[in-house]
Amino acid sequence: MRPETDVTENDLRHLLNEWDPLGVADDVQDEYDCMLVPLLQRLRGGADQTGICEFLRHELKDHFGLDPLGSRPDAMAARVVAWWAAAETADGTGCL
């Protein structure tokens, strides 16, 4: 794994833990790691905010058993897409 991939995964993990739809991130730092690779694959594949939101809604409902609306996946999708765009710009290559 490339070092920048580790940094990218850690940054995304931090975002997911700040969102913390289960309310457990203070105790379990890797609770949302199951979403890291699928999210990064979607982002690298050019997924837009709608695609990321759909993925998050699915995970909240089908994987975690939560009501997606209460966790605001739309707001989190916007945050993830904005973070990704900024990370790509900062990288300078457009390839994270």
PDB file of N, CA and C in Angstrom:
ATOM      1  N   MET A   1       0.838  -1.171   0.000  1.00  0.00           N
ATOM      2  CA  MET A   1       0.000   0.000   0.000  1.00  0.00           C
ATOM      3  C   MET A   1       0.892   1.247   0.000  1.00  0.00           C
ATOM      4  N   ARG A   2       0.547   2.205  -0.824  1.00  0.00           N
ATOM      5  CA  ARG A   2       1.327   3.434  -0.904  1.00  0.00           C
ATOM      6  C   ARG A   2       1.119   4.275   0.356  1.00  0.00           C
ATOM      7  N   PRO A   3       2.170   4.993   0.802  1.00  0.00           N
ATOM      8  CA  PRO A   3       2.019   5.826   2.000  1.00  0.00           C
ATOM      9  C   PRO A   3       0.880   6.830   1.877  1.00  0.00           C
ATOM     10  N   GLU A   4       0.694   7.441   0.694  1.00  0.00           N
ATOM     11  CA  GLU A   4      -0.385   8.413   0.557  1.00  0.00           C
ATOM     12  C   GLU A   4      -1.751   7.754   0.695  1.00  0.00           C
ATOM     13  N   THR A   5      -1.835   6.460   0.388  1.00  0.00           N
ATOM     14  CA  THR A   5      -3.087   5.737   0.578  1.00  0.00           C
ATOM     15  C   THR A   5      -3.392   5.615   2.063  1.00  0.00           C
ATOM     16  N   ASP A   6      -2.366   5.346   2.866  1.00  0.00           N
ATOM     17  CA  ASP A   6      -2.553   5.290   4.320  1.00  0.00           C
ATOM     18  C   ASP A   6      -3.065   6.619   4.842  1.00  0.00           C
ATOM     19  N   VAL A   7      -2.475   7.719   4.365  1.00  0.00           N
ATOM     20  CA  VAL A   7      -2.894   9.045   4.790  1.00  0.00           C
ATOM     21  C   VAL A   7      -4.333   9.299   4.360  1.00  0.00           C
ATOM     22  N   THR A   8      -4.665   8.946   3.132  1.00  0.00           N
ATOM     23  CA  THR A   8      -6.011   9.138   2.621  1.00  0.00           C
ATOM     24  C   THR A   8      -7.017   8.337   3.441  1.00  0.00           C
ATOM     25  N   GLU A   9      -6.714   7.085   3.721  1.00  0.00           N
ATOM     26  CA  GLU A   9      -7.611   6.266   4.535  1.00  0.00           C
ATOM     27  C   GLU A   9      -7.758   6.841   5.939  1.00  0.00           C
ATOM     28  N   ASN A  10      -6.665   7.298   6.521  1.00  0.00           N
ATOM     29  CA  ASN A  10      -6.736   7.886   7.861  1.00  0.00           C
ATOM     30  C   ASN A  10      -7.580   9.156   7.870  1.00  0.00           C
ATOM     31  N   ASP A  11      -7.428   9.978   6.827  1.00  0.00           N
ATOM     32  CA  ASP A  11      -8.235  11.200   6.741  1.00  0.00           C
ATOM     33  C   ASP A  11      -9.721  10.860   6.596  1.00  0.00           C
ATOM     34  N   LEU A  12     -10.038   9.887   5.757  1.00  0.00           N
ATOM     35  CA  LEU A  12     -11.428   9.489   5.588  1.00  0.00           C
ATOM     36  C   LEU A  12     -11.966   8.858   6.865  1.00  0.00           C
ATOM     37  N   ARG A  13     -11.160   8.059   7.539  1.00  0.00           N
ATOM     38  CA  ARG A  13     -11.562   7.468   8.825  1.00  0.00           C
ATOM     39  C   ARG A  13     -11.905   8.585   9.815  1.00  0.00           C
ATOM     40  N   HIS A  14     -11.090   9.620   9.831  1.00  0.00           N
ATOM     41  CA  HIS A  14     -11.340  10.756  10.730  1.00  0.00           C
ATOM     42  C   HIS A  14     -12.700  11.401  10.420  1.00  0.00           C
ATOM     43  N   LEU A  15     -12.995  11.607   9.131  1.00  0.00           N
ATOM     44  CA  LEU A  15     -14.287  12.183   8.747  1.00  0.00           C
ATOM     45  C   LEU A  15     -15.448  11.296   9.196  1.00  0.00           C
ATOM     46  N   LEU A  16     -15.311   9.998   8.955  1.00  0.00           N
ATOM     47  CA  LEU A  16     -16.381   9.073   9.345  1.00  0.00           C
ATOM     48  C   LEU A  16     -16.566   9.050  10.861  1.00  0.00           C
ATOM     49  N   ASN A  17     -15.467   9.121  11.597  1.00  0.00           N
ATOM     50  CA  ASN A  17     -15.564   9.133  13.056  1.00  0.00           C
ATOM     51  C   ASN A  17     -16.156  10.432  13.586  1.00  0.00           C
ATOM     52  N   GLU A  18     -15.926  11.538  12.894  1.00  0.00           N
ATOM     53  CA  GLU A  18     -16.574  12.794  13.291  1.00  0.00           C
ATOM     54  C   GLU A  18     -18.080  12.718  13.054  1.00  0.00           C
ATOM     55  N   TRP A  19     -18.465  12.099  11.953  1.00  0.00           N
ATOM     56  CA  TRP A  19     -19.885  11.921  11.627  1.00  0.00           C
ATOM     57  C   TRP A  19     -20.529  10.996  12.664  1.00  0.00           C
ATOM     58  N   ASP A  20     -19.938   9.845  12.892  1.00  0.00           N
ATOM     59  CA  ASP A  20     -20.273   8.896  13.946  1.00  0.00           C
ATOM     60  C   ASP A  20     -21.770   8.622  14.108  1.00  0.00           C
ATOM     61  N   PRO A  21     -22.420   8.066  13.088  1.00  0.00           N
ATOM     62  CA  PRO A  21     -23.862   7.837  13.203  1.00  0.00           C
ATOM     63  C   PRO A  21     -24.265   6.860  14.305  1.00  0.00           C
ATOM     64  N   LEU A  22     -23.372   5.994  14.731  1.00  0.00           N
ATOM     65  CA  LEU A  22     -23.674   5.058  15.820  1.00  0.00           C
ATOM     66  C   LEU A  22     -23.365   5.639  17.196  1.00  0.00           C
ATOM     67  N   GLY A  23     -22.579   6.715  17.235  1.00  0.00           N
ATOM     68  CA  GLY A  23     -22.211   7.313  18.510  1.00  0.00           C
ATOM     69  C   GLY A  23     -21.196   6.502  19.296  1.00  0.00           C
ATOM     70  N   VAL A  24     -20.292   5.818  18.591  1.00  0.00           N
ATOM     71  CA  VAL A  24     -19.324   4.948  19.273  1.00  0.00           C
ATOM     72  C   VAL A  24     -17.870   5.307  18.978  1.00  0.00           C
ATOM     73  N   ALA A  25     -17.635   6.313  18.163  1.00  0.00           N
ATOM     74  CA  ALA A  25     -16.271   6.593  17.689  1.00  0.00           C
ATOM     75  C   ALA A  25     -15.297   6.950  18.814  1.00  0.00           C
ATOM     76  N   ASP A  26     -15.794   7.475  19.913  1.00  0.00           N
ATOM     77  CA  ASP A  26     -14.886   7.781  21.023  1.00  0.00           C
ATOM     78  C   ASP A  26     -14.284   6.509  21.612  1.00  0.00           C
ATOM     79  N   ASP A  27     -15.011   5.414  21.513  1.00  0.00           N
ATOM     80  CA  ASP A  27     -14.553   4.142  22.076  1.00  0.00           C
ATOM     81  C   ASP A  27     -14.004   3.170  21.043  1.00  0.00           C
ATOM     82  N   VAL A  28     -14.510   3.251  19.799  1.00  0.00           N
ATOM     83  CA  VAL A  28     -14.136   2.296  18.761  1.00  0.00           C
ATOM     84  C   VAL A  28     -13.726   3.072  17.510  1.00  0.00           C
ATOM     85  N   GLN A  29     -12.427   3.288  17.339  1.00  0.00           N
ATOM     86  CA  GLN A  29     -11.923   4.110  16.241  1.00  0.00           C
ATOM     87  C   GLN A  29     -12.072   3.477  14.862  1.00  0.00           C
ATOM     88  N   ASP A  30     -12.241   2.164  14.797  1.00  0.00           N
ATOM     89  CA  ASP A  30     -12.307   1.502  13.491  1.00  0.00           C
ATOM     90  C   ASP A  30     -13.713   1.012  13.134  1.00  0.00           C
ATOM     91  N   GLU A  31     -14.721   1.501  13.819  1.00  0.00           N
ATOM     92  CA  GLU A  31     -16.099   1.039  13.593  1.00  0.00           C
ATOM     93  C   GLU A  31     -16.549   1.204  12.143  1.00  0.00           C
ATOM     94  N   TYR A  32     -16.104   2.258  11.494  1.00  0.00           N
ATOM     95  CA  TYR A  32     -16.564   2.563  10.142  1.00  0.00           C
ATOM     96  C   TYR A  32     -15.550   2.186   9.065  1.00  0.00           C
ATOM     97  N   ASP A  33     -14.518   1.452   9.440  1.00  0.00           N
ATOM     98  CA  ASP A  33     -13.496   1.044   8.474  1.00  0.00           C
ATOM     99  C   ASP A  33     -14.068   0.196   7.338  1.00  0.00           C
ATOM    100  N   CYS A  34     -15.187  -0.450   7.575  1.00  0.00           N
ATOM    101  CA  CYS A  34     -15.822  -1.245   6.521  1.00  0.00           C
ATOM    102  C   CYS A  34     -16.259  -0.374   5.350  1.00  0.00           C
ATOM    103  N   MET A  35     -16.342   0.930   5.562  1.00  0.00           N
ATOM    104  CA  MET A  35     -16.755   1.843   4.495  1.00  0.00           C
ATOM    105  C   MET A  35     -15.575   2.498   3.784  1.00  0.00           C
ATOM    106  N   LEU A  36     -14.373   2.376   4.321  1.00  0.00           N
ATOM    107  CA  LEU A  36     -13.218   3.067   3.745  1.00  0.00           C
ATOM    108  C   LEU A  36     -12.951   2.673   2.300  1.00  0.00           C
ATOM    109  N   VAL A  37     -12.707   1.405   2.060  1.00  0.00           N
ATOM    110  CA  VAL A  37     -12.350   0.955   0.712  1.00  0.00           C
ATOM    111  C   VAL A  37     -13.494   1.197  -0.276  1.00  0.00           C
ATOM    112  N   PRO A  38     -14.737   0.824   0.063  1.00  0.00           N
ATOM    113  CA  PRO A  38     -15.813   1.098  -0.888  1.00  0.00           C
ATOM    114  C   PRO A  38     -15.976   2.589  -1.213  1.00  0.00           C
ATOM    115  N   LEU A  39     -15.830   3.442  -0.206  1.00  0.00           N
ATOM    116  CA  LEU A  39     -15.929   4.881  -0.470  1.00  0.00           C
ATOM    117  C   LEU A  39     -14.789   5.359  -1.360  1.00  0.00           C
ATOM    118  N   LEU A  40     -13.569   4.939  -1.038  1.00  0.00           N
ATOM    119  CA  LEU A  40     -12.427   5.364  -1.846  1.00  0.00           C
ATOM    120  C   LEU A  40     -12.534   4.843  -3.276  1.00  0.00           C
ATOM    121  N   GLN A  41     -13.013   3.634  -3.444  1.00  0.00           N
ATOM    122  CA  GLN A  41     -13.211   3.106  -4.795  1.00  0.00           C
ATOM    123  C   GLN A  41     -14.215   3.959  -5.565  1.00  0.00           C
ATOM    124  N   ARG A  42     -15.293   4.324  -4.916  1.00  0.00           N
ATOM    125  CA  ARG A  42     -16.301   5.151  -5.572  1.00  0.00           C
ATOM    126  C   ARG A  42     -15.738   6.531  -5.911  1.00  0.00           C
ATOM    127  N   LEU A  43     -15.028   7.122  -4.977  1.00  0.00           N
ATOM    128  CA  LEU A  43     -14.450   8.447  -5.215  1.00  0.00           C
ATOM    129  C   LEU A  43     -13.431   8.400  -6.350  1.00  0.00           C
ATOM    130  N   ARG A  44     -12.566   7.406  -6.337  1.00  0.00           N
ATOM    131  CA  ARG A  44     -11.574   7.264  -7.411  1.00  0.00           C
ATOM    132  C   ARG A  44     -12.236   6.993  -8.752  1.00  0.00           C
ATOM    133  N   GLY A  45     -13.404   6.372  -8.710  1.00  0.00           N
ATOM    134  CA  GLY A  45     -14.148   6.081  -9.920  1.00  0.00           C
ATOM    135  C   GLY A  45     -14.990   7.252 -10.414  1.00  0.00           C
ATOM    136  N   GLY A  46     -14.952   8.359  -9.681  1.00  0.00           N
ATOM    137  CA  GLY A  46     -15.666   9.554 -10.116  1.00  0.00           C
ATOM    138  C   GLY A  46     -17.071   9.707  -9.571  1.00  0.00           C
ATOM    139  N   ALA A  47     -17.406   8.981  -8.526  1.00  0.00           N
ATOM    140  CA  ALA A  47     -18.749   9.102  -7.947  1.00  0.00           C
ATOM    141  C   ALA A  47     -19.008  10.532  -7.507  1.00  0.00           C
ATOM    142  N   ASP A  48     -20.232  10.959  -7.727  1.00  0.00           N
ATOM    143  CA  ASP A  48     -20.622  12.301  -7.309  1.00  0.00           C
ATOM    144  C   ASP A  48     -21.299  12.232  -5.940  1.00  0.00           C
ATOM    145  N   GLN A  49     -21.776  13.378  -5.480  1.00  0.00           N
ATOM    146  CA  GLN A  49     -22.389  13.449  -4.158  1.00  0.00           C
ATOM    147  C   GLN A  49     -23.603  12.526  -4.047  1.00  0.00           C
ATOM    148  N   THR A  50     -24.378  12.430  -5.115  1.00  0.00           N
ATOM    149  CA  THR A  50     -25.553  11.557  -5.103  1.00  0.00           C
ATOM    150  C   THR A  50     -25.146  10.097  -4.939  1.00  0.00           C
ATOM    151  N   GLY A  51     -24.115   9.678  -5.652  1.00  0.00           N
ATOM    152  CA  GLY A  51     -23.637   8.304  -5.543  1.00  0.00           C
ATOM    153  C   GLY A  51     -23.104   7.984  -4.159  1.00  0.00           C
ATOM    154  N   ILE A  52     -22.364   8.921  -3.588  1.00  0.00           N
ATOM    155  CA  ILE A  52     -21.830   8.723  -2.232  1.00  0.00           C
ATOM    156  C   ILE A  52     -22.972   8.685  -1.227  1.00  0.00           C
ATOM    157  N   CYS A  53     -23.951   9.555  -1.399  1.00  0.00           N
ATOM    158  CA  CYS A  53     -25.104   9.576  -0.502  1.00  0.00           C
ATOM    159  C   CYS A  53     -25.869   8.261  -0.564  1.00  0.00           C
ATOM    160  N   GLU A  54     -26.071   7.732  -1.746  1.00  0.00           N
ATOM    161  CA  GLU A  54     -26.771   6.452  -1.890  1.00  0.00           C
ATOM    162  C   GLU A  54     -26.014   5.335  -1.184  1.00  0.00           C
ATOM    163  N   PHE A  55     -24.686   5.329  -1.332  1.00  0.00           N
ATOM    164  CA  PHE A  55     -23.882   4.319  -0.642  1.00  0.00           C
ATOM    165  C   PHE A  55     -24.038   4.452   0.880  1.00  0.00           C
ATOM    166  N   LEU A  56     -23.935   5.679   1.380  1.00  0.00           N
ATOM    167  CA  LEU A  56     -24.043   5.898   2.825  1.00  0.00           C
ATOM    168  C   LEU A  56     -25.422   5.505   3.344  1.00  0.00           C
ATOM    169  N   ARG A  57     -26.471   5.852   2.614  1.00  0.00           N
ATOM    170  CA  ARG A  57     -27.837   5.457   3.013  1.00  0.00           C
ATOM    171  C   ARG A  57     -27.948   3.933   3.099  1.00  0.00           C
ATOM    172  N   HIS A  58     -27.416   3.257   2.094  1.00  0.00           N
ATOM    173  CA  HIS A  58     -27.471   1.791   2.078  1.00  0.00           C
ATOM    174  C   HIS A  58     -26.736   1.217   3.278  1.00  0.00           C
ATOM    175  N   GLU A  59     -25.548   1.709   3.542  1.00  0.00           N
ATOM    176  CA  GLU A  59     -24.770   1.194   4.674  1.00  0.00           C
ATOM    177  C   GLU A  59     -25.477   1.452   6.000  1.00  0.00           C
ATOM    178  N   LEU A  60     -26.008   2.651   6.160  1.00  0.00           N
ATOM    179  CA  LEU A  60     -26.702   2.974   7.405  1.00  0.00           C
ATOM    180  C   LEU A  60     -27.884   2.031   7.641  1.00  0.00           C
ATOM    181  N   LYS A  61     -28.664   1.820   6.602  1.00  0.00           N
ATOM    182  CA  LYS A  61     -29.875   1.008   6.733  1.00  0.00           C
ATOM    183  C   LYS A  61     -29.564  -0.481   6.775  1.00  0.00           C
ATOM    184  N   ASP A  62     -28.839  -0.966   5.776  1.00  0.00           N
ATOM    185  CA  ASP A  62     -28.662  -2.412   5.623  1.00  0.00           C
ATOM    186  C   ASP A  62     -27.515  -2.999   6.437  1.00  0.00           C
ATOM    187  N   HIS A  63     -26.485  -2.227   6.670  1.00  0.00           N
ATOM    188  CA  HIS A  63     -25.335  -2.752   7.422  1.00  0.00           C
ATOM    189  C   HIS A  63     -25.445  -2.440   8.916  1.00  0.00           C
ATOM    190  N   PHE A  64     -25.770  -1.181   9.223  1.00  0.00           N
ATOM    191  CA  PHE A  64     -25.795  -0.760  10.626  1.00  0.00           C
ATOM    192  C   PHE A  64     -27.189  -0.791  11.246  1.00  0.00           C
ATOM    193  N   GLY A  65     -28.233  -0.951  10.425  1.00  0.00           N
ATOM    194  CA  GLY A  65     -29.591  -1.032  10.953  1.00  0.00           C
ATOM    195  C   GLY A  65     -30.130   0.284  11.475  1.00  0.00           C
ATOM    196  N   LEU A  66     -29.694   1.387  10.900  1.00  0.00           N
ATOM    197  CA  LEU A  66     -30.134   2.708  11.346  1.00  0.00           C
ATOM    198  C   LEU A  66     -31.112   3.324  10.355  1.00  0.00           C
ATOM    199  N   ASP A  67     -31.863   4.288  10.833  1.00  0.00           N
ATOM    200  CA  ASP A  67     -32.692   5.108   9.958  1.00  0.00           C
ATOM    201  C   ASP A  67     -31.758   6.104   9.284  1.00  0.00           C
ATOM    202  N   PRO A  68     -31.601   6.022   7.969  1.00  0.00           N
ATOM    203  CA  PRO A  68     -30.659   6.906   7.285  1.00  0.00           C
ATOM    204  C   PRO A  68     -30.948   8.394   7.454  1.00  0.00           C
ATOM    205  N   LEU A  69     -32.216   8.763   7.525  1.00  0.00           N
ATOM    206  CA  LEU A  69     -32.552  10.182   7.593  1.00  0.00           C
ATOM    207  C   LEU A  69     -32.011  10.849   8.850  1.00  0.00           C
ATOM    208  N   GLY A  70     -32.053  10.145   9.961  1.00  0.00           N
ATOM    209  CA  GLY A  70     -31.575  10.718  11.216  1.00  0.00           C
ATOM    210  C   GLY A  70     -30.081  10.988  11.239  1.00  0.00           C
ATOM    211  N   SER A  71     -29.350  10.325  10.365  1.00  0.00           N
ATOM    212  CA  SER A  71     -27.891  10.476  10.344  1.00  0.00           C
ATOM    213  C   SER A  71     -27.400  11.445   9.275  1.00  0.00           C
ATOM    214  N   ARG A  72     -28.328  12.004   8.507  1.00  0.00           N
ATOM    215  CA  ARG A  72     -28.007  12.994   7.488  1.00  0.00           C
ATOM    216  C   ARG A  72     -26.913  12.540   6.515  1.00  0.00           C
ATOM    217  N   PRO A  73     -27.134  11.443   5.801  1.00  0.00           N
ATOM    218  CA  PRO A  73     -26.134  10.977   4.843  1.00  0.00           C
ATOM    219  C   PRO A  73     -25.885  11.978   3.718  1.00  0.00           C
ATOM    220  N   ASP A  74     -26.871  12.804   3.406  1.00  0.00           N
ATOM    221  CA  ASP A  74     -26.687  13.817   2.371  1.00  0.00           C
ATOM    222  C   ASP A  74     -25.625  14.831   2.768  1.00  0.00           C
ATOM    223  N   ALA A  75     -25.661  15.262   4.014  1.00  0.00           N
ATOM    224  CA  ALA A  75     -24.663  16.217   4.506  1.00  0.00           C
ATOM    225  C   ALA A  75     -23.280  15.563   4.566  1.00  0.00           C
ATOM    226  N   MET A  76     -23.231  14.316   4.988  1.00  0.00           N
ATOM    227  CA  MET A  76     -21.949  13.614   5.041  1.00  0.00           C
ATOM    228  C   MET A  76     -21.403  13.384   3.645  1.00  0.00           C
ATOM    229  N   ALA A  77     -22.265  13.060   2.695  1.00  0.00           N
ATOM    230  CA  ALA A  77     -21.819  12.871   1.310  1.00  0.00           C
ATOM    231  C   ALA A  77     -21.211  14.161   0.773  1.00  0.00           C
ATOM    232  N   ALA A  78     -21.835  15.288   1.055  1.00  0.00           N
ATOM    233  CA  ALA A  78     -21.301  16.582   0.615  1.00  0.00           C
ATOM    234  C   ALA A  78     -19.926  16.816   1.227  1.00  0.00           C
ATOM    235  N   ARG A  79     -19.790  16.476   2.479  1.00  0.00           N
ATOM    236  CA  ARG A  79     -18.508  16.657   3.170  1.00  0.00           C
ATOM    237  C   ARG A  79     -17.422  15.755   2.587  1.00  0.00           C
ATOM    238  N   VAL A  80     -17.768  14.504   2.310  1.00  0.00           N
ATOM    239  CA  VAL A  80     -16.805  13.555   1.742  1.00  0.00           C
ATOM    240  C   VAL A  80     -16.365  14.002   0.350  1.00  0.00           C
ATOM    241  N   VAL A  81     -17.308  14.421  -0.469  1.00  0.00           N
ATOM    242  CA  VAL A  81     -16.977  14.858  -1.825  1.00  0.00           C
ATOM    243  C   VAL A  81     -16.112  16.123  -1.793  1.00  0.00           C
ATOM    244  N   ALA A  82     -16.424  17.048  -0.902  1.00  0.00           N
ATOM    245  CA  ALA A  82     -15.607  18.264  -0.772  1.00  0.00           C
ATOM    246  C   ALA A  82     -14.202  17.920  -0.283  1.00  0.00           C
ATOM    247  N   TRP A  83     -14.107  17.009   0.684  1.00  0.00           N
ATOM    248  CA  TRP A  83     -12.796  16.574   1.180  1.00  0.00           C
ATOM    249  C   TRP A  83     -11.999  15.935   0.050  1.00  0.00           C
ATOM    250  N   TRP A  84     -12.647  15.086  -0.750  1.00  0.00           N
ATOM    251  CA  TRP A  84     -11.971  14.402  -1.831  1.00  0.00           C
ATOM    252  C   TRP A  84     -11.439  15.402  -2.863  1.00  0.00           C
ATOM    253  N   ALA A  85     -12.265  16.365  -3.224  1.00  0.00           N
ATOM    254  CA  ALA A  85     -11.847  17.379  -4.198  1.00  0.00           C
ATOM    255  C   ALA A  85     -10.660  18.167  -3.677  1.00  0.00           C
ATOM    256  N   ALA A  86     -10.679  18.531  -2.406  1.00  0.00           N
ATOM    257  CA  ALA A  86      -9.567  19.268  -1.809  1.00  0.00           C
ATOM    258  C   ALA A  86      -8.308  18.406  -1.743  1.00  0.00           C
ATOM    259  N   ALA A  87      -8.465  17.124  -1.420  1.00  0.00           N
ATOM    260  CA  ALA A  87      -7.311  16.220  -1.331  1.00  0.00           C
ATOM    261  C   ALA A  87      -6.682  16.023  -2.694  1.00  0.00           C
ATOM    262  N   GLU A  88      -7.498  15.898  -3.736  1.00  0.00           N
ATOM    263  CA  GLU A  88      -6.971  15.747  -5.091  1.00  0.00           C
ATOM    264  C   GLU A  88      -6.204  16.993  -5.516  1.00  0.00           C
ATOM    265  N   THR A  89      -6.741  18.150  -5.183  1.00  0.00           N
ATOM    266  CA  THR A  89      -6.077  19.412  -5.520  1.00  0.00           C
ATOM    267  C   THR A  89      -4.760  19.547  -4.782  1.00  0.00           C
ATOM    268  N   ALA A  90      -4.749  19.195  -3.515  1.00  0.00           N
ATOM    269  CA  ALA A  90      -3.538  19.285  -2.697  1.00  0.00           C
ATOM    270  C   ALA A  90      -2.472  18.308  -3.171  1.00  0.00           C
ATOM    271  N   ASP A  91      -2.910  17.144  -3.661  1.00  0.00           N
ATOM    272  CA  ASP A  91      -1.984  16.119  -4.147  1.00  0.00           C
ATOM    273  C   ASP A  91      -1.245  16.601  -5.403  1.00  0.00           C
ATOM    274  N   GLY A  92      -1.938  17.395  -6.201  1.00  0.00           N
ATOM    275  CA  GLY A  92      -1.308  17.937  -7.408  1.00  0.00           C
ATOM    276  C   GLY A  92      -1.327  17.013  -8.597  1.00  0.00           C
ATOM    277  N   THR A  93      -1.618  15.748  -8.376  1.00  0.00           N
ATOM    278  CA  THR A  93      -1.629  14.801  -9.490  1.00  0.00           C
ATOM    279  C   THR A  93      -3.057  14.482  -9.921  1.00  0.00           C
ATOM    280  N   GLY A  94      -4.013  14.771  -9.041  1.00  0.00           N
ATOM    281  CA  GLY A  94      -5.389  14.390  -9.331  1.00  0.00           C
ATOM    282  C   GLY A  94      -5.635  12.912  -9.140  1.00  0.00           C
ATOM    283  N   CYS A  95      -4.661  12.215  -8.560  1.00  0.00           N
ATOM    284  CA  CYS A  95      -4.784  10.758  -8.369  1.00  0.00           C
ATOM    285  C   CYS A  95      -4.435  10.393  -6.932  1.00  0.00           C
ATOM    286  N   LEU A  96      -5.416  10.133  -6.138  1.00  0.00           N
ATOM    287  CA  LEU A  96      -5.158   9.691  -4.782  1.00  0.00           C
ATOM    288  C   LEU A  96      -5.471   8.222  -4.659  1.00  0.00           C
TER     289      LEU A  96
END
